[in-house]
């Protein structure tokens, strides 16, 4: 009985440890031990004894003349058997824990060796992640005339360790560094005042699909739903977005910011304007907002990995409105990017090129 008490007190703590297989073994062993005690209890006040057989059934035996002595003897035997089973269970559990630790240690060792091999075999100045993204970017078939490879930049954890945000434009505004992405720079129109663009324009991002990237670069500007590309492809109207004329834009939580609300009456004099999203370009100072499936789709497979595309752009100051997010993050109590307020992560503008200029294509492997 003392051993049974030990098992009963120890079992809960054992079940909290070890693998699933070891837990099942402990439970089975405990059940077997309990069945031994139950079989002994049957003889406690009877002159006839019942013993457990296999298959489970009870066989009646003749009454024992010295029932007390027999019970003591049998109790001692069951105690020994119970102790042996308990020791076996403990030994099995300890071996399982030891094996799990040894396996985990081996996995960590192999992962470290793999990382060391990648670092050792990587040529100086070459990033393997950059190379993978470059392979996908090359598959898009973009003419080299539209690219400026000397300004390409990798923002993976190995290549970039700088600040999370930078200030650009006049007046200056922050944008989030697109960590985990690789930027393939695009060539700018020679008719542009490049110095003015890079000195005065703000940096933002625009979600798009891999299919549209080539057409956008060939046309030299962002395209709105209904526009037809040089290849004859018409940009479709997005589904699941706010429809034109259903909402109004009203002043937001601070100057320069706006909120999207249900449409006001036509004679309203609060300063609101009708919201017509199909005639607007949407950008954001953080790539985390633009990579949302609502703007960048779910990505495309390249080899064994999913890839996504986002455009990096420059926007003329005071040419856009700052809006709150429209993907339901606030409703779900989610923070899109801790570097920005959810009420300021979406920019919209009706101004076309050159008020908004594509300066790079960002690629990310998921």
Foldseek 3Di string as FASTA:
>chain_A
DVLLVVLVVCLVVLCVDFDPVLNVLSVVLNVVLVVLVVQLVQLPPDQWHWHADPVGDTDIDGGDPCSVVVSVVSVVVSVVVNVVSVVVSVVVRVVRVVVVVVVVVVVVVVVVVVVVVCVVPAPPPDDPQLVVQVVVVVVLVADCLFFDQVPKAAQEPVGDDDDQWDWAAVVTDIFGDQHQKIKTWTDADPVDPVVCQRHHWYKWKFAEESNCVRQCSVVFWDDFQQDAGPVGDGRHDAPPDDAWQQWKWADDPDPLFTETGGHDDPPDDRPIDTDHVRLKGKIFSYVLLCQPCSTFNPADDDPHWGKTKMFMKTAHPPQKGFAADDPCCVVVVHDSDPVDDNGGGMIMHNDIPPRMGTTIMMMHTD
